[in-house]
Amino acid sequence: MIAAGKKLLRDGWSPLIAAGPSGDLDSDLRVALLAIWGSGDRRLAADFLRQSADKKLESIAAAELTEGPGAVAPLARWYTDLRSETVQALLTAESEAVRAMADSLPRNFAGKSSSKRSLTSKPRNR
């Protein structure tokens, strides 16, 4: 049973990479990390994360602002437009974060990295 679990962990990521990113940040990050751990191919994992980021940006089209005055009541239009702007900002920020993750993937998982790269540029207090 343990051998079967190890085999699934070693090989189970491959169909997930082939299926492409789900668009869910946590799921896509887990798949990318399993792929780099299972294959040692950092570029494969980074490309998968970049595809995830692209998928986020493509979904912004679904959050476009309401066009023209139309038959929508002014309050409803205002709500829809404000909500749309918020969704667009969140999707853009998530896409940028996923790209930063792709760029900061470790070269390998053989051991602790000698230098930790942060996704933010905030200096550490020592």
C-alpha atoms as a PDB file:
ATOM      1  CA  MET A   1       0.000   0.000   0.000  1.00  0.00           C
ATOM      2  CA  ILE A   2       2.820   2.423   0.812  1.00  0.00           C
ATOM      3  CA  ALA A   3       4.526   1.671  -2.512  1.00  0.00           C
ATOM      4  CA  ALA A   4       1.288   2.440  -4.378  1.00  0.00           C
ATOM      5  CA  GLY A   5       0.994   5.757  -2.554  1.00  0.00           C
ATOM      6  CA  LYS A   6       4.581   6.671  -3.381  1.00  0.00           C
ATOM      7  CA  LYS A   7       3.994   5.802  -7.032  1.00  0.00           C
ATOM      8  CA  LEU A   8       0.852   7.952  -7.119  1.00  0.00           C
ATOM      9  CA  LEU A   9       2.724  10.849  -5.514  1.00  0.00           C
ATOM     10  CA  ARG A  10       5.627  10.420  -7.941  1.00  0.00           C
ATOM     11  CA  ASP A  11       3.492  10.119 -11.105  1.00  0.00           C
ATOM     12  CA  GLY A  12       0.061  11.551 -10.240  1.00  0.00           C
ATOM     13  CA  TRP A  13       0.943  15.129 -11.113  1.00  0.00           C
ATOM     14  CA  SER A  14       1.538  14.371 -14.800  1.00  0.00           C
ATOM     15  CA  PRO A  15      -2.140  14.135 -15.860  1.00  0.00           C
ATOM     16  CA  LEU A  16      -2.855  17.303 -13.865  1.00  0.00           C
ATOM     17  CA  ILE A  17      -0.192  19.213 -15.804  1.00  0.00           C
ATOM     18  CA  ALA A  18      -1.576  17.817 -19.065  1.00  0.00           C
ATOM     19  CA  ALA A  19      -5.102  18.943 -18.158  1.00  0.00           C
ATOM     20  CA  GLY A  20      -3.891  22.507 -17.682  1.00  0.00           C
ATOM     21  CA  PRO A  21      -4.458  24.910 -14.822  1.00  0.00           C
ATOM     22  CA  SER A  22      -7.798  24.941 -13.039  1.00  0.00           C
ATOM     23  CA  GLY A  23      -7.709  28.644 -12.308  1.00  0.00           C
ATOM     24  CA  ASP A  24      -7.755  27.980  -8.572  1.00  0.00           C
ATOM     25  CA  LEU A  25      -4.575  29.467  -7.129  1.00  0.00           C
ATOM     26  CA  ASP A  26      -4.071  26.874  -4.376  1.00  0.00           C
ATOM     27  CA  SER A  27      -4.726  23.903  -6.659  1.00  0.00           C
ATOM     28  CA  ASP A  28      -2.473  25.187  -9.411  1.00  0.00           C
ATOM     29  CA  LEU A  29       0.354  25.925  -6.975  1.00  0.00           C
ATOM     30  CA  ARG A  30       0.101  22.415  -5.498  1.00  0.00           C
ATOM     31  CA  VAL A  31       0.222  20.840  -8.962  1.00  0.00           C
ATOM     32  CA  ALA A  32       3.247  22.942  -9.935  1.00  0.00           C
ATOM     33  CA  LEU A  33       5.114  22.009  -6.750  1.00  0.00           C
ATOM     34  CA  LEU A  34       4.316  18.320  -7.206  1.00  0.00           C
ATOM     35  CA  ALA A  35       5.532  18.557 -10.793  1.00  0.00           C
ATOM     36  CA  ILE A  36       8.858  20.117  -9.848  1.00  0.00           C
ATOM     37  CA  TRP A  37       9.266  17.602  -7.027  1.00  0.00           C
ATOM     38  CA  GLY A  38       8.323  14.637  -9.217  1.00  0.00           C
ATOM     39  CA  SER A  39      10.133  15.616 -12.395  1.00  0.00           C
ATOM     40  CA  GLY A  40      12.839  18.009 -11.254  1.00  0.00           C
ATOM     41  CA  ASP A  41      11.805  20.175 -14.210  1.00  0.00           C
ATOM     42  CA  ARG A  42      11.484  23.705 -12.843  1.00  0.00           C
ATOM     43  CA  ARG A  43      10.591  25.081 -16.273  1.00  0.00           C
ATOM     44  CA  LEU A  44       7.599  22.718 -16.583  1.00  0.00           C
ATOM     45  CA  ALA A  45       6.247  23.870 -13.219  1.00  0.00           C
ATOM     46  CA  ALA A  46       6.918  27.551 -13.968  1.00  0.00           C
ATOM     47  CA  ASP A  47       5.196  27.293 -17.359  1.00  0.00           C
ATOM     48  CA  PHE A  48       2.174  25.701 -15.674  1.00  0.00           C
ATOM     49  CA  LEU A  49       1.981  28.606 -13.206  1.00  0.00           C
ATOM     50  CA  ARG A  50       2.302  31.137 -16.015  1.00  0.00           C
ATOM     51  CA  GLN A  51      -0.598  29.410 -17.800  1.00  0.00           C
ATOM     52  CA  SER A  52      -2.564  29.736 -14.566  1.00  0.00           C
ATOM     53  CA  ALA A  53      -1.756  33.466 -14.497  1.00  0.00           C
ATOM     54  CA  ASP A  54      -2.884  33.816 -18.108  1.00  0.00           C
ATOM     55  CA  LYS A  55      -6.146  32.056 -17.261  1.00  0.00           C
ATOM     56  CA  LYS A  56      -6.743  34.606 -14.494  1.00  0.00           C
ATOM     57  CA  LEU A  57      -6.251  37.481 -16.913  1.00  0.00           C
ATOM     58  CA  GLU A  58      -8.569  35.882 -19.468  1.00  0.00           C
ATOM     59  CA  SER A  59     -11.301  35.677 -16.852  1.00  0.00           C
ATOM     60  CA  ILE A  60     -11.253  39.465 -16.500  1.00  0.00           C
ATOM     61  CA  ALA A  61     -13.346  39.650 -19.674  1.00  0.00           C
ATOM     62  CA  ALA A  62     -16.211  38.129 -17.675  1.00  0.00           C
ATOM     63  CA  ALA A  63     -15.960  41.015 -15.219  1.00  0.00           C
ATOM     64  CA  GLU A  64     -16.202  43.798 -17.808  1.00  0.00           C
ATOM     65  CA  LEU A  65     -18.068  46.976 -16.934  1.00  0.00           C
ATOM     66  CA  THR A  66     -21.729  47.345 -17.939  1.00  0.00           C
ATOM     67  CA  GLU A  67     -22.053  48.897 -21.399  1.00  0.00           C
ATOM     68  CA  GLY A  68     -24.354  51.886 -22.053  1.00  0.00           C
ATOM     69  CA  PRO A  69     -27.280  53.115 -19.977  1.00  0.00           C
ATOM     70  CA  GLY A  70     -29.536  50.181 -20.944  1.00  0.00           C
ATOM     71  CA  ALA A  71     -32.486  49.105 -18.852  1.00  0.00           C
ATOM     72  CA  VAL A  72     -30.501  48.661 -15.646  1.00  0.00           C
ATOM     73  CA  ALA A  73     -31.506  50.837 -12.706  1.00  0.00           C
ATOM     74  CA  PRO A  74     -28.794  53.373 -11.768  1.00  0.00           C
ATOM     75  CA  LEU A  75     -28.153  51.834  -8.331  1.00  0.00           C
ATOM     76  CA  ALA A  76     -27.855  48.349  -9.804  1.00  0.00           C
ATOM     77  CA  ARG A  77     -25.516  49.643 -12.515  1.00  0.00           C
ATOM     78  CA  TRP A  78     -23.364  51.412  -9.938  1.00  0.00           C
ATOM     79  CA  TYR A  79     -23.126  48.243  -7.839  1.00  0.00           C
ATOM     80  CA  THR A  80     -22.321  46.107 -10.893  1.00  0.00           C
ATOM     81  CA  ASP A  81     -19.621  48.496 -12.098  1.00  0.00           C
ATOM     82  CA  LEU A  82     -17.980  48.802  -8.670  1.00  0.00           C
ATOM     83  CA  ARG A  83     -18.078  45.047  -8.149  1.00  0.00           C
ATOM     84  CA  SER A  84     -16.635  44.494 -11.624  1.00  0.00           C
ATOM     85  CA  GLU A  85     -13.741  46.869 -10.934  1.00  0.00           C
ATOM     86  CA  THR A  86     -12.992  45.018  -7.705  1.00  0.00           C
ATOM     87  CA  VAL A  87     -13.005  41.620  -9.399  1.00  0.00           C
ATOM     88  CA  GLN A  88     -10.725  42.920 -12.149  1.00  0.00           C
ATOM     89  CA  ALA A  89      -8.257  44.290  -9.590  1.00  0.00           C
ATOM     90  CA  LEU A  90      -8.241  41.026  -7.625  1.00  0.00           C
ATOM     91  CA  LEU A  91      -7.734  38.884 -10.733  1.00  0.00           C
ATOM     92  CA  THR A  92      -4.915  41.140 -11.934  1.00  0.00           C
ATOM     93  CA  ALA A  93      -3.204  40.981  -8.528  1.00  0.00           C
ATOM     94  CA  GLU A  94      -3.591  37.187  -8.369  1.00  0.00           C
ATOM     95  CA  SER A  95      -2.144  36.842 -11.857  1.00  0.00           C
ATOM     96  CA  GLU A  96       0.867  38.949 -10.877  1.00  0.00           C
ATOM     97  CA  ALA A  97       1.335  36.891  -7.698  1.00  0.00           C
ATOM     98  CA  VAL A  98       1.243  33.617  -9.646  1.00  0.00           C
ATOM     99  CA  ARG A  99       3.860  34.958 -12.073  1.00  0.00           C
ATOM    100  CA  ALA A 100       6.056  35.928  -9.101  1.00  0.00           C
ATOM    101  CA  MET A 101       5.657  32.394  -7.744  1.00  0.00           C
ATOM    102  CA  ALA A 102       6.692  30.951 -11.116  1.00  0.00           C
ATOM    103  CA  ASP A 103       9.813  33.116 -11.089  1.00  0.00           C
ATOM    104  CA  SER A 104      10.720  32.157  -7.529  1.00  0.00           C
ATOM    105  CA  LEU A 105      10.346  28.375  -7.793  1.00  0.00           C
ATOM    106  CA  PRO A 106      13.334  26.574  -6.313  1.00  0.00           C
ATOM    107  CA  ARG A 107      15.846  24.979  -8.657  1.00  0.00           C
ATOM    108  CA  ASN A 108      15.360  21.685  -6.829  1.00  0.00           C
ATOM    109  CA  PHE A 109      14.012  20.218  -3.643  1.00  0.00           C
ATOM    110  CA  ALA A 110      17.206  18.430  -2.632  1.00  0.00           C
ATOM    111  CA  GLY A 111      17.566  20.497   0.499  1.00  0.00           C
ATOM    112  CA  LYS A 112      17.092  23.909   1.988  1.00  0.00           C
ATOM    113  CA  SER A 113      17.941  26.716  -0.356  1.00  0.00           C
ATOM    114  CA  SER A 114      20.814  28.911   0.682  1.00  0.00           C
ATOM    115  CA  SER A 115      18.923  32.095  -0.089  1.00  0.00           C
ATOM    116  CA  LYS A 116      15.226  32.586   0.387  1.00  0.00           C
ATOM    117  CA  ARG A 117      13.547  34.802  -2.187  1.00  0.00           C
ATOM    118  CA  SER A 118      10.430  36.544  -1.038  1.00  0.00           C
ATOM    119  CA  LEU A 119       7.450  37.385  -3.227  1.00  0.00           C
ATOM    120  CA  THR A 120       7.471  40.862  -1.697  1.00  0.00           C
ATOM    121  CA  SER A 121      10.239  43.407  -1.625  1.00  0.00           C
ATOM    122  CA  LYS A 122       9.824  44.275   2.055  1.00  0.00           C
ATOM    123  CA  PRO A 123      13.136  44.190   3.925  1.00  0.00           C
ATOM    124  CA  ARG A 124      13.383  41.859   6.901  1.00  0.00           C
ATOM    125  CA  ASN A 125      13.866  43.191  10.408  1.00  0.00           C
ATOM    126  CA  ARG A 126      16.870  41.626  12.064  1.00  0.00           C
END
